[in-house]
Amino acid sequence: MIFIMFYFKEIKSENQEIKLPIFKNNNIRVFIKREDLIHSIISGNKFRKLKYNVEKALNEKKDQIITFGGAFSNHILATAYIGKLTNLKTIGIIRGDELLNKKLNSTLQNCKNFGMKFLFISRADYKKRNNAEYINTLRKKYTNSFIIPEGGTNYLGVKGCEEILEKDDDFFDVICCPVGSGGTIAGLINSKKKFQKILGFSALKSSNINNVITKFVNNNDWKIFDDNFFKGYSKIDNRLVNFINDINKQTGILLDPIYNSKMLYHIIKMISNDQWIYGKKILLINTGGLQSINEINFKLKKKGCEIINH
């Protein structure tokens, strides 16, 4: 019950200024909202998107939560941890049946330690995750379960993300965030002021994310960039490793390699190329996800590449 008291209290995140020469030289001020500091495991948008979903599951006296994600999913990890703290069983439906007979990575091992059970399914079957017939099959098989979509993106998840922006954030012309399943940016779009622009930076290659976001939002004053994904989700090269390490050295802010670092990399690239036309006061939403660094570094070491310092 201690967790429940924490869970529903009002959360405020600090806005930390990122002071880099390129921003100063272009008369631009950039701040990052430290949603990553909300909780060591349920950090950033994971907290926001699970907040009302878990509340409903508890109110409906469900026995367990079922949700979806990849092997590095921050959402899967956060769900497993919340399940442990609330005595809700958790099942993670994981993309990629080739993982069934492999050693669990650190993310999934932590999930298992928190009590989560796994169902590894083929990538073809995973595409059915939003199909009504497939969801009904799960409900029949796992009775009295509460099903949360991939990334926590449903109306309850969006409702939680509508609480990210605060009164002091009226200072900003433009608000930027990484985009995965679309729930976070949808919440920002719904809660922004009329004069503000919302920009999203997709971590996915060739996603259908615009159609997903449109289902949840109340205005059209937003834009998605999906042309800087480093060859795909969770893909990384020496450019990004060096960028993450350089930003950390200059500012003391460690960015994750899947979402937030790619967003800032893209923004700086646009400013450097005189392509930034969206305002001089920028707020970045740090959605967390540092747990992925260990796994990414393991892959980088195997390739003989530089690693992320942390």
C-alpha atoms as a PDB file:
ATOM      1  CA  MET A   1       0.000   0.000   0.000  1.00  0.00           C
ATOM      2  CA  ILE A   2       2.995   2.318   0.397  1.00  0.00           C
ATOM      3  CA  PHE A   3       3.429   2.133  -3.355  1.00  0.00           C
ATOM      4  CA  ILE A   4      -0.203   3.025  -3.979  1.00  0.00           C
ATOM      5  CA  MET A   5       0.233   6.184  -1.890  1.00  0.00           C
ATOM      6  CA  PHE A   6       3.275   7.095  -3.988  1.00  0.00           C
ATOM      7  CA  TYR A   7       1.541   6.118  -7.170  1.00  0.00           C
ATOM      8  CA  PHE A   8      -1.359   8.538  -6.947  1.00  0.00           C
ATOM      9  CA  LYS A   9       0.354  11.535  -5.460  1.00  0.00           C
ATOM     10  CA  GLU A  10       0.971  14.551  -7.670  1.00  0.00           C
ATOM     11  CA  ILE A  11       4.241  14.213  -9.547  1.00  0.00           C
ATOM     12  CA  LYS A  12       6.302  17.225 -10.611  1.00  0.00           C
ATOM     13  CA  SER A  13       9.399  16.966 -12.779  1.00  0.00           C
ATOM     14  CA  GLU A  14      12.299  19.416 -12.857  1.00  0.00           C
ATOM     15  CA  ASN A  15      13.106  21.274 -16.072  1.00  0.00           C
ATOM     16  CA  GLN A  16      16.894  21.310 -16.476  1.00  0.00           C
ATOM     17  CA  GLU A  17      18.526  23.629 -19.000  1.00  0.00           C
ATOM     18  CA  ILE A  18      20.876  22.068 -21.537  1.00  0.00           C
ATOM     19  CA  LYS A  19      23.638  24.587 -22.128  1.00  0.00           C
ATOM     20  CA  LEU A  20      25.522  23.846 -25.332  1.00  0.00           C
ATOM     21  CA  PRO A  21      27.430  26.261 -27.603  1.00  0.00           C
ATOM     22  CA  ILE A  22      25.190  25.509 -30.582  1.00  0.00           C
ATOM     23  CA  PHE A  23      22.123  26.638 -28.646  1.00  0.00           C
ATOM     24  CA  LYS A  24      23.779  29.810 -27.373  1.00  0.00           C
ATOM     25  CA  ASN A  25      25.106  30.693 -30.828  1.00  0.00           C
ATOM     26  CA  ASN A  26      21.606  30.421 -32.283  1.00  0.00           C
ATOM     27  CA  ASN A  27      19.900  32.290 -29.428  1.00  0.00           C
ATOM     28  CA  ILE A  28      17.958  29.156 -28.482  1.00  0.00           C
ATOM     29  CA  ARG A  29      17.202  27.952 -24.967  1.00  0.00           C
ATOM     30  CA  VAL A  30      16.656  24.232 -24.481  1.00  0.00           C
ATOM     31  CA  PHE A  31      15.374  22.558 -21.324  1.00  0.00           C
ATOM     32  CA  ILE A  32      14.735  18.890 -20.621  1.00  0.00           C
ATOM     33  CA  LYS A  33      11.936  17.738 -18.331  1.00  0.00           C
ATOM     34  CA  ARG A  34      13.477  15.102 -16.062  1.00  0.00           C
ATOM     35  CA  GLU A  35      10.629  12.602 -16.130  1.00  0.00           C
ATOM     36  CA  ASP A  36      13.384   9.987 -15.942  1.00  0.00           C
ATOM     37  CA  LEU A  37      13.859  10.874 -12.264  1.00  0.00           C
ATOM     38  CA  ILE A  38      10.283  10.037 -11.202  1.00  0.00           C
ATOM     39  CA  HIS A  39      11.277   6.525 -10.139  1.00  0.00           C
ATOM     40  CA  SER A  40      14.309   4.309 -10.633  1.00  0.00           C
ATOM     41  CA  ILE A  41      12.304   1.633 -12.498  1.00  0.00           C
ATOM     42  CA  ILE A  42       8.870   3.098 -13.271  1.00  0.00           C
ATOM     43  CA  SER A  43      10.414   6.203 -14.786  1.00  0.00           C
ATOM     44  CA  GLY A  44       9.261   8.779 -17.285  1.00  0.00           C
ATOM     45  CA  ASN A  45       6.291   8.087 -19.487  1.00  0.00           C
ATOM     46  CA  LYS A  46       6.039   4.521 -18.159  1.00  0.00           C
ATOM     47  CA  PHE A  47       4.752   5.893 -14.866  1.00  0.00           C
ATOM     48  CA  ARG A  48       2.328   8.233 -16.613  1.00  0.00           C
ATOM     49  CA  LYS A  49       0.865   5.609 -18.943  1.00  0.00           C
ATOM     50  CA  LEU A  50       0.453   2.930 -16.294  1.00  0.00           C
ATOM     51  CA  LYS A  51      -1.007   5.196 -13.625  1.00  0.00           C
ATOM     52  CA  TYR A  52      -4.696   5.063 -14.582  1.00  0.00           C
ATOM     53  CA  ASN A  53      -4.472   1.610 -16.145  1.00  0.00           C
ATOM     54  CA  VAL A  54      -3.296   0.076 -12.875  1.00  0.00           C
ATOM     55  CA  GLU A  55      -5.831   2.119 -10.924  1.00  0.00           C
ATOM     56  CA  LYS A  56      -8.617   0.647 -13.054  1.00  0.00           C
ATOM     57  CA  ALA A  57      -7.225  -2.881 -12.762  1.00  0.00           C
ATOM     58  CA  LEU A  58      -7.199  -2.584  -8.968  1.00  0.00           C
ATOM     59  CA  ASN A  59     -10.662  -1.009  -8.829  1.00  0.00           C
ATOM     60  CA  GLU A  60     -12.039  -3.842 -10.957  1.00  0.00           C
ATOM     61  CA  LYS A  61     -10.289  -6.343  -8.672  1.00  0.00           C
ATOM     62  CA  LYS A  62      -8.420  -8.002 -11.510  1.00  0.00           C
ATOM     63  CA  ASP A  63      -5.971 -10.792 -10.712  1.00  0.00           C
ATOM     64  CA  GLN A  64      -3.334  -9.973 -13.278  1.00  0.00           C
ATOM     65  CA  ILE A  65      -2.139  -7.626 -16.004  1.00  0.00           C
ATOM     66  CA  ILE A  66      -1.267  -8.746 -19.517  1.00  0.00           C
ATOM     67  CA  THR A  67       0.727  -6.460 -21.770  1.00  0.00           C
ATOM     68  CA  PHE A  68       2.971  -6.464 -24.829  1.00  0.00           C
ATOM     69  CA  GLY A  69       6.506  -5.426 -25.728  1.00  0.00           C
ATOM     70  CA  GLY A  70       9.902  -6.227 -27.157  1.00  0.00           C
ATOM     71  CA  ALA A  71      12.847  -7.756 -25.342  1.00  0.00           C
ATOM     72  CA  PHE A  72      14.196  -4.333 -24.307  1.00  0.00           C
ATOM     73  CA  SER A  73      10.836  -2.801 -23.399  1.00  0.00           C
ATOM     74  CA  ASN A  74      10.866  -0.248 -20.597  1.00  0.00           C
ATOM     75  CA  HIS A  75       7.094  -0.645 -20.427  1.00  0.00           C
ATOM     76  CA  ILE A  76       7.367  -4.392 -19.845  1.00  0.00           C
ATOM     77  CA  LEU A  77       9.865  -3.805 -17.039  1.00  0.00           C
ATOM     78  CA  ALA A  78       7.731  -1.118 -15.390  1.00  0.00           C
ATOM     79  CA  THR A  79       4.639  -3.313 -15.589  1.00  0.00           C
ATOM     80  CA  ALA A  80       6.460  -6.239 -13.980  1.00  0.00           C
ATOM     81  CA  TYR A  81       7.645  -4.036 -11.121  1.00  0.00           C
ATOM     82  CA  ILE A  82       4.214  -2.507 -10.540  1.00  0.00           C
ATOM     83  CA  GLY A  83       2.745  -5.995 -10.494  1.00  0.00           C
ATOM     84  CA  LYS A  84       5.125  -6.994  -7.742  1.00  0.00           C
ATOM     85  CA  LEU A  85       4.286  -3.934  -5.656  1.00  0.00           C
ATOM     86  CA  THR A  86       0.522  -4.237  -6.081  1.00  0.00           C
ATOM     87  CA  ASN A  87       0.318  -8.045  -5.844  1.00  0.00           C
ATOM     88  CA  LEU A  88      -1.013  -8.231  -9.390  1.00  0.00           C
ATOM     89  CA  LYS A  89       0.310 -11.119 -11.464  1.00  0.00           C
ATOM     90  CA  THR A  90       1.839 -10.036 -14.756  1.00  0.00           C
ATOM     91  CA  ILE A  91       2.227 -11.677 -18.141  1.00  0.00           C
ATOM     92  CA  GLY A  92       4.448 -10.148 -20.803  1.00  0.00           C
ATOM     93  CA  ILE A  93       3.683 -11.106 -24.400  1.00  0.00           C
ATOM     94  CA  ILE A  94       7.087 -10.678 -26.000  1.00  0.00           C
ATOM     95  CA  ARG A  95       7.800 -10.089 -29.688  1.00  0.00           C
ATOM     96  CA  GLY A  96      10.014 -12.830 -31.174  1.00  0.00           C
ATOM     97  CA  ASP A  97       9.531 -16.550 -30.538  1.00  0.00           C
ATOM     98  CA  GLU A  98      13.228 -17.045 -31.337  1.00  0.00           C
ATOM     99  CA  LEU A  99      13.869 -15.735 -27.808  1.00  0.00           C
ATOM    100  CA  LEU A 100      12.120 -18.720 -26.214  1.00  0.00           C
ATOM    101  CA  ASN A 101      15.230 -20.898 -26.014  1.00  0.00           C
ATOM    102  CA  LYS A 102      17.746 -18.102 -25.483  1.00  0.00           C
ATOM    103  CA  LYS A 103      19.141 -16.762 -22.247  1.00  0.00           C
ATOM    104  CA  LEU A 104      17.066 -13.856 -20.973  1.00  0.00           C
ATOM    105  CA  ASN A 105      18.614 -10.428 -21.430  1.00  0.00           C
ATOM    106  CA  SER A 106      18.977  -8.186 -18.391  1.00  0.00           C
ATOM    107  CA  THR A 107      15.629  -6.454 -18.973  1.00  0.00           C
ATOM    108  CA  LEU A 108      13.640  -9.678 -19.163  1.00  0.00           C
ATOM    109  CA  GLN A 109      15.617 -11.256 -16.327  1.00  0.00           C
ATOM    110  CA  ASN A 110      14.658  -8.344 -14.096  1.00  0.00           C
ATOM    111  CA  CYS A 111      11.040  -8.772 -15.182  1.00  0.00           C
ATOM    112  CA  LYS A 112      11.217 -12.442 -14.249  1.00  0.00           C
ATOM    113  CA  ASN A 113      12.732 -11.526 -10.886  1.00  0.00           C
ATOM    114  CA  PHE A 114       9.720  -9.282 -10.296  1.00  0.00           C
ATOM    115  CA  GLY A 115       7.421 -12.243 -10.964  1.00  0.00           C
ATOM    116  CA  MET A 116       6.435 -11.710 -14.590  1.00  0.00           C
ATOM    117  CA  LYS A 117       5.615 -14.718 -16.765  1.00  0.00           C
ATOM    118  CA  PHE A 118       6.379 -14.600 -20.493  1.00  0.00           C
ATOM    119  CA  LEU A 119       4.646 -15.645 -23.648  1.00  0.00           C
ATOM    120  CA  PHE A 120       7.063 -15.449 -26.591  1.00  0.00           C
ATOM    121  CA  ILE A 121       5.218 -15.227 -29.900  1.00  0.00           C
ATOM    122  CA  SER A 122       6.301 -14.934 -33.519  1.00  0.00           C
ATOM    123  CA  ARG A 123       6.710 -11.517 -35.068  1.00  0.00           C
ATOM    124  CA  ALA A 124       3.837 -12.348 -37.421  1.00  0.00           C
ATOM    125  CA  ASP A 125       1.524 -13.160 -34.505  1.00  0.00           C
ATOM    126  CA  TYR A 126       2.714 -10.088 -32.630  1.00  0.00           C
ATOM    127  CA  LYS A 127       1.246  -7.924 -35.380  1.00  0.00           C
ATOM    128  CA  LYS A 128      -2.179  -9.161 -34.216  1.00  0.00           C
ATOM    129  CA  ARG A 129      -1.712  -7.558 -30.782  1.00  0.00           C
ATOM    130  CA  ASN A 130      -4.377  -4.894 -31.433  1.00  0.00           C
ATOM    131  CA  ASN A 131      -6.763  -7.250 -33.222  1.00  0.00           C
ATOM    132  CA  ALA A 132     -10.094  -7.543 -31.385  1.00  0.00           C
ATOM    133  CA  GLU A 133     -10.369 -11.267 -32.054  1.00  0.00           C
ATOM    134  CA  TYR A 134      -6.895 -11.897 -30.662  1.00  0.00           C
ATOM    135  CA  ILE A 135      -7.622  -9.797 -27.559  1.00  0.00           C
ATOM    136  CA  ASN A 136     -10.861 -11.717 -26.976  1.00  0.00           C
ATOM    137  CA  THR A 137      -8.940 -14.988 -27.204  1.00  0.00           C
ATOM    138  CA  LEU A 138      -6.581 -13.752 -24.483  1.00  0.00           C
ATOM    139  CA  ARG A 139      -9.502 -12.708 -22.284  1.00  0.00           C
ATOM    140  CA  LYS A 140     -11.051 -16.162 -22.562  1.00  0.00           C
ATOM    141  CA  LYS A 141      -7.781 -17.924 -21.807  1.00  0.00           C
ATOM    142  CA  TYR A 142      -6.695 -15.601 -18.981  1.00  0.00           C
ATOM    143  CA  THR A 143      -9.918 -14.833 -17.124  1.00  0.00           C
ATOM    144  CA  ASN A 144     -10.125 -11.839 -14.798  1.00  0.00           C
ATOM    145  CA  SER A 145      -7.106 -10.210 -16.460  1.00  0.00           C
ATOM    146  CA  PHE A 146      -6.621  -6.557 -17.328  1.00  0.00           C
ATOM    147  CA  ILE A 147      -5.033  -6.132 -20.770  1.00  0.00           C
ATOM    148  CA  ILE A 148      -2.846  -3.095 -21.435  1.00  0.00           C
ATOM    149  CA  PRO A 149      -1.732  -2.386 -25.022  1.00  0.00           C
ATOM    150  CA  GLU A 150       1.897  -2.185 -26.098  1.00  0.00           C
ATOM    151  CA  GLY A 151       3.637   0.763 -24.469  1.00  0.00           C
ATOM    152  CA  GLY A 152       0.592   1.467 -22.302  1.00  0.00           C
ATOM    153  CA  THR A 153      -0.988   3.436 -25.126  1.00  0.00           C
ATOM    154  CA  ASN A 154      -4.751   3.580 -24.668  1.00  0.00           C
ATOM    155  CA  TYR A 155      -7.110   6.310 -23.478  1.00  0.00           C
ATOM    156  CA  LEU A 156      -6.051   5.774 -19.870  1.00  0.00           C
ATOM    157  CA  GLY A 157      -2.376   5.962 -20.815  1.00  0.00           C
ATOM    158  CA  VAL A 158      -2.963   9.169 -22.769  1.00  0.00           C
ATOM    159  CA  LYS A 159      -4.872  10.598 -19.787  1.00  0.00           C
ATOM    160  CA  GLY A 160      -1.817  10.027 -17.605  1.00  0.00           C
ATOM    161  CA  CYS A 161       0.460  11.721 -20.137  1.00  0.00           C
ATOM    162  CA  GLU A 162      -1.823  14.759 -20.187  1.00  0.00           C
ATOM    163  CA  GLU A 163      -0.436  15.458 -16.701  1.00  0.00           C
ATOM    164  CA  ILE A 164       3.194  15.825 -17.841  1.00  0.00           C
ATOM    165  CA  LEU A 165       2.991  19.527 -18.708  1.00  0.00           C
ATOM    166  CA  GLU A 166       2.659  22.012 -15.859  1.00  0.00           C
ATOM    167  CA  LYS A 167       1.823  25.713 -15.559  1.00  0.00           C
ATOM    168  CA  ASP A 168       5.486  26.744 -15.729  1.00  0.00           C
ATOM    169  CA  ASP A 169       5.779  25.013 -19.099  1.00  0.00           C
ATOM    170  CA  ASP A 170       3.738  27.796 -20.704  1.00  0.00           C
ATOM    171  CA  PHE A 171       7.157  29.462 -21.112  1.00  0.00           C
ATOM    172  CA  PHE A 172       8.009  27.218 -24.066  1.00  0.00           C
ATOM    173  CA  ASP A 173       7.211  27.689 -27.761  1.00  0.00           C
ATOM    174  CA  VAL A 174       7.718  24.070 -28.720  1.00  0.00           C
ATOM    175  CA  ILE A 175       7.630  20.764 -26.852  1.00  0.00           C
ATOM    176  CA  CYS A 176       9.526  17.760 -28.208  1.00  0.00           C
ATOM    177  CA  CYS A 177       9.364  14.117 -27.243  1.00  0.00           C
ATOM    178  CA  PRO A 178      10.494  10.735 -28.562  1.00  0.00           C
ATOM    179  CA  VAL A 179       7.752   8.590 -30.060  1.00  0.00           C
ATOM    180  CA  GLY A 180       7.278   4.846 -29.735  1.00  0.00           C
ATOM    181  CA  SER A 181       3.686   3.678 -29.349  1.00  0.00           C
ATOM    182  CA  GLY A 182       2.317   7.240 -29.479  1.00  0.00           C
ATOM    183  CA  GLY A 183       0.642   7.633 -26.091  1.00  0.00           C
ATOM    184  CA  THR A 184       3.032  10.192 -24.635  1.00  0.00           C
ATOM    185  CA  ILE A 185       2.874  12.608 -27.519  1.00  0.00           C
ATOM    186  CA  ALA A 186      -0.919  12.240 -27.668  1.00  0.00           C
ATOM    187  CA  GLY A 187      -1.148  13.369 -24.041  1.00  0.00           C
ATOM    188  CA  LEU A 188       1.138  16.324 -24.737  1.00  0.00           C
ATOM    189  CA  ILE A 189      -0.910  17.340 -27.789  1.00  0.00           C
ATOM    190  CA  ASN A 190      -4.109  17.342 -25.740  1.00  0.00           C
ATOM    191  CA  SER A 191      -2.665  19.358 -22.849  1.00  0.00           C
ATOM    192  CA  LYS A 192      -0.517  21.949 -24.662  1.00  0.00           C
ATOM    193  CA  LYS A 193      -1.434  25.624 -24.919  1.00  0.00           C
ATOM    194  CA  LYS A 194      -2.830  26.890 -28.222  1.00  0.00           C
ATOM    195  CA  PHE A 195       0.362  28.779 -29.084  1.00  0.00           C
ATOM    196  CA  GLN A 196       2.604  25.751 -28.552  1.00  0.00           C
ATOM    197  CA  LYS A 197       3.792  23.271 -31.171  1.00  0.00           C
ATOM    198  CA  ILE A 198       4.361  19.572 -30.411  1.00  0.00           C
ATOM    199  CA  LEU A 199       7.139  17.749 -32.277  1.00  0.00           C
ATOM    200  CA  GLY A 200       7.658  14.005 -32.065  1.00  0.00           C
ATOM    201  CA  PHE A 201      10.747  12.050 -33.078  1.00  0.00           C
ATOM    202  CA  SER A 202       9.917   8.472 -33.969  1.00  0.00           C
ATOM    203  CA  ALA A 203      12.212   5.680 -32.792  1.00  0.00           C
ATOM    204  CA  LEU A 204      10.599   3.306 -35.278  1.00  0.00           C
ATOM    205  CA  LYS A 205      11.328   2.804 -38.952  1.00  0.00           C
ATOM    206  CA  SER A 206       8.373   3.224 -41.326  1.00  0.00           C
ATOM    207  CA  SER A 207       5.794   3.233 -38.547  1.00  0.00           C
ATOM    208  CA  ASN A 208       2.083   3.952 -38.896  1.00  0.00           C
ATOM    209  CA  ILE A 209       2.264   6.147 -35.840  1.00  0.00           C
ATOM    210  CA  ASN A 210       0.405   9.182 -37.232  1.00  0.00           C
ATOM    211  CA  ASN A 211      -2.786   7.149 -37.555  1.00  0.00           C
ATOM    212  CA  VAL A 212      -2.432   5.865 -33.995  1.00  0.00           C
ATOM    213  CA  ILE A 213      -1.924   9.349 -32.547  1.00  0.00           C
ATOM    214  CA  THR A 214      -4.844  10.829 -34.482  1.00  0.00           C
ATOM    215  CA  LYS A 215      -7.268   8.481 -32.666  1.00  0.00           C
ATOM    216  CA  PHE A 216      -6.426  10.063 -29.303  1.00  0.00           C
ATOM    217  CA  VAL A 217      -5.886  13.799 -29.932  1.00  0.00           C
ATOM    218  CA  ASN A 218      -8.056  16.916 -30.026  1.00  0.00           C
ATOM    219  CA  ASN A 219      -6.021  19.140 -32.378  1.00  0.00           C
ATOM    220  CA  ASN A 220      -3.720  18.995 -35.412  1.00  0.00           C
ATOM    221  CA  ASP A 221      -0.891  21.233 -34.208  1.00  0.00           C
ATOM    222  CA  TRP A 222       1.790  18.538 -34.167  1.00  0.00           C
ATOM    223  CA  LYS A 223       4.365  16.937 -36.424  1.00  0.00           C
ATOM    224  CA  ILE A 224       6.265  13.631 -36.451  1.00  0.00           C
ATOM    225  CA  PHE A 225       9.836  13.244 -37.731  1.00  0.00           C
ATOM    226  CA  ASP A 226      10.689   9.678 -38.688  1.00  0.00           C
ATOM    227  CA  ASP A 227      13.751  10.116 -40.899  1.00  0.00           C
ATOM    228  CA  ASN A 228      16.509   9.802 -38.319  1.00  0.00           C
ATOM    229  CA  PHE A 229      16.067   6.389 -36.766  1.00  0.00           C
ATOM    230  CA  PHE A 230      19.652   5.078 -37.230  1.00  0.00           C
ATOM    231  CA  LYS A 231      18.379   2.185 -39.384  1.00  0.00           C
ATOM    232  CA  GLY A 232      15.640   1.157 -36.970  1.00  0.00           C
ATOM    233  CA  TYR A 233      14.414   0.663 -33.416  1.00  0.00           C
ATOM    234  CA  SER A 234      17.217   0.036 -30.882  1.00  0.00           C
ATOM    235  CA  LYS A 235      19.814   0.401 -33.672  1.00  0.00           C
ATOM    236  CA  ILE A 236      22.896   2.379 -32.742  1.00  0.00           C
ATOM    237  CA  ASP A 237      26.281   3.225 -34.228  1.00  0.00           C
ATOM    238  CA  ASN A 238      29.453   5.052 -33.178  1.00  0.00           C
ATOM    239  CA  ARG A 239      27.937   8.426 -34.082  1.00  0.00           C
ATOM    240  CA  LEU A 240      25.222   8.002 -31.484  1.00  0.00           C
ATOM    241  CA  VAL A 241      27.532   6.475 -28.868  1.00  0.00           C
ATOM    242  CA  ASN A 242      29.914   9.422 -29.182  1.00  0.00           C
ATOM    243  CA  PHE A 243      26.983  11.840 -29.083  1.00  0.00           C
ATOM    244  CA  ILE A 244      25.563  10.307 -25.886  1.00  0.00           C
ATOM    245  CA  ASN A 245      28.962  10.363 -24.199  1.00  0.00           C
ATOM    246  CA  ASP A 246      29.643  13.941 -25.315  1.00  0.00           C
ATOM    247  CA  ILE A 247      26.277  15.233 -24.049  1.00  0.00           C
ATOM    248  CA  ASN A 248      26.814  13.461 -20.733  1.00  0.00           C
ATOM    249  CA  LYS A 249      30.297  14.962 -20.409  1.00  0.00           C
ATOM    250  CA  GLN A 250      29.127  18.489 -21.214  1.00  0.00           C
ATOM    251  CA  THR A 251      25.849  18.550 -19.283  1.00  0.00           C
ATOM    252  CA  GLY A 252      25.868  15.663 -16.804  1.00  0.00           C
ATOM    253  CA  ILE A 253      22.706  14.288 -18.434  1.00  0.00           C
ATOM    254  CA  LEU A 254      22.838  10.658 -19.534  1.00  0.00           C
ATOM    255  CA  LEU A 255      20.412   9.930 -22.377  1.00  0.00           C
ATOM    256  CA  ASP A 256      19.166   6.498 -23.358  1.00  0.00           C
ATOM    257  CA  PRO A 257      20.279   5.103 -26.743  1.00  0.00           C
ATOM    258  CA  ILE A 258      16.835   4.172 -28.080  1.00  0.00           C
ATOM    259  CA  TYR A 259      14.639   7.241 -27.662  1.00  0.00           C
ATOM    260  CA  ASN A 260      15.892  10.449 -26.064  1.00  0.00           C
ATOM    261  CA  SER A 261      19.383  10.603 -27.544  1.00  0.00           C
ATOM    262  CA  LYS A 262      18.036  10.202 -31.082  1.00  0.00           C
ATOM    263  CA  MET A 263      15.579  13.040 -30.490  1.00  0.00           C
ATOM    264  CA  LEU A 264      18.263  15.463 -29.324  1.00  0.00           C
ATOM    265  CA  TYR A 265      20.650  14.333 -32.076  1.00  0.00           C
ATOM    266  CA  HIS A 266      18.007  15.170 -34.667  1.00  0.00           C
ATOM    267  CA  ILE A 267      17.213  18.570 -33.148  1.00  0.00           C
ATOM    268  CA  ILE A 268      20.876  19.590 -33.041  1.00  0.00           C
ATOM    269  CA  LYS A 269      21.337  18.389 -36.621  1.00  0.00           C
ATOM    270  CA  MET A 270      18.384  20.518 -37.746  1.00  0.00           C
ATOM    271  CA  ILE A 271      19.739  23.575 -35.958  1.00  0.00           C
ATOM    272  CA  SER A 272      23.223  23.015 -37.440  1.00  0.00           C
ATOM    273  CA  ASN A 273      21.722  22.818 -40.944  1.00  0.00           C
ATOM    274  CA  ASP A 274      19.596  25.964 -40.447  1.00  0.00           C
ATOM    275  CA  GLN A 275      16.442  23.844 -40.686  1.00  0.00           C
ATOM    276  CA  TRP A 276      15.013  24.654 -37.252  1.00  0.00           C
ATOM    277  CA  ILE A 277      11.950  26.880 -37.652  1.00  0.00           C
ATOM    278  CA  TYR A 278       9.926  25.900 -34.604  1.00  0.00           C
ATOM    279  CA  GLY A 279      10.785  28.432 -31.907  1.00  0.00           C
ATOM    280  CA  LYS A 280      13.540  29.633 -29.614  1.00  0.00           C
ATOM    281  CA  LYS A 281      12.313  28.148 -26.333  1.00  0.00           C
ATOM    282  CA  ILE A 282      12.333  24.355 -26.482  1.00  0.00           C
ATOM    283  CA  LEU A 283      11.234  21.798 -23.897  1.00  0.00           C
ATOM    284  CA  LEU A 284      12.349  18.189 -24.346  1.00  0.00           C
ATOM    285  CA  ILE A 285      10.511  15.399 -22.526  1.00  0.00           C
ATOM    286  CA  ASN A 286      12.939  12.828 -21.132  1.00  0.00           C
ATOM    287  CA  THR A 287      10.987   9.587 -21.205  1.00  0.00           C
ATOM    288  CA  GLY A 288      13.569   7.535 -19.283  1.00  0.00           C
ATOM    289  CA  GLY A 289      14.850   4.144 -20.392  1.00  0.00           C
ATOM    290  CA  LEU A 290      18.418   4.011 -19.078  1.00  0.00           C
ATOM    291  CA  GLN A 291      18.028   0.312 -18.304  1.00  0.00           C
ATOM    292  CA  SER A 292      18.637  -0.400 -22.010  1.00  0.00           C
ATOM    293  CA  ILE A 293      22.247   0.840 -21.844  1.00  0.00           C
ATOM    294  CA  ASN A 294      23.705  -2.338 -20.343  1.00  0.00           C
ATOM    295  CA  GLU A 295      22.194  -4.501 -23.065  1.00  0.00           C
ATOM    296  CA  ILE A 296      23.231  -2.106 -25.832  1.00  0.00           C
ATOM    297  CA  ASN A 297      26.777  -1.961 -24.451  1.00  0.00           C
ATOM    298  CA  PHE A 298      26.934  -5.760 -24.423  1.00  0.00           C
ATOM    299  CA  LYS A 299      26.118  -5.797 -28.135  1.00  0.00           C
ATOM    300  CA  LEU A 300      28.604  -3.013 -28.862  1.00  0.00           C
ATOM    301  CA  LYS A 301      31.399  -4.828 -27.048  1.00  0.00           C
ATOM    302  CA  LYS A 302      30.776  -7.980 -29.080  1.00  0.00           C
ATOM    303  CA  LYS A 303      31.217  -5.900 -32.252  1.00  0.00           C
ATOM    304  CA  GLY A 304      34.383  -4.258 -30.918  1.00  0.00           C
ATOM    305  CA  CYS A 305      32.704  -0.839 -30.897  1.00  0.00           C
ATOM    306  CA  GLU A 306      32.885   2.000 -28.407  1.00  0.00           C
ATOM    307  CA  ILE A 307      30.428   1.805 -25.515  1.00  0.00           C
ATOM    308  CA  ILE A 308      28.238   4.250 -23.644  1.00  0.00           C
ATOM    309  CA  ASN A 309      29.888   5.563 -20.483  1.00  0.00           C
ATOM    310  CA  HIS A 310      27.651   5.469 -17.438  1.00  0.00           C
END
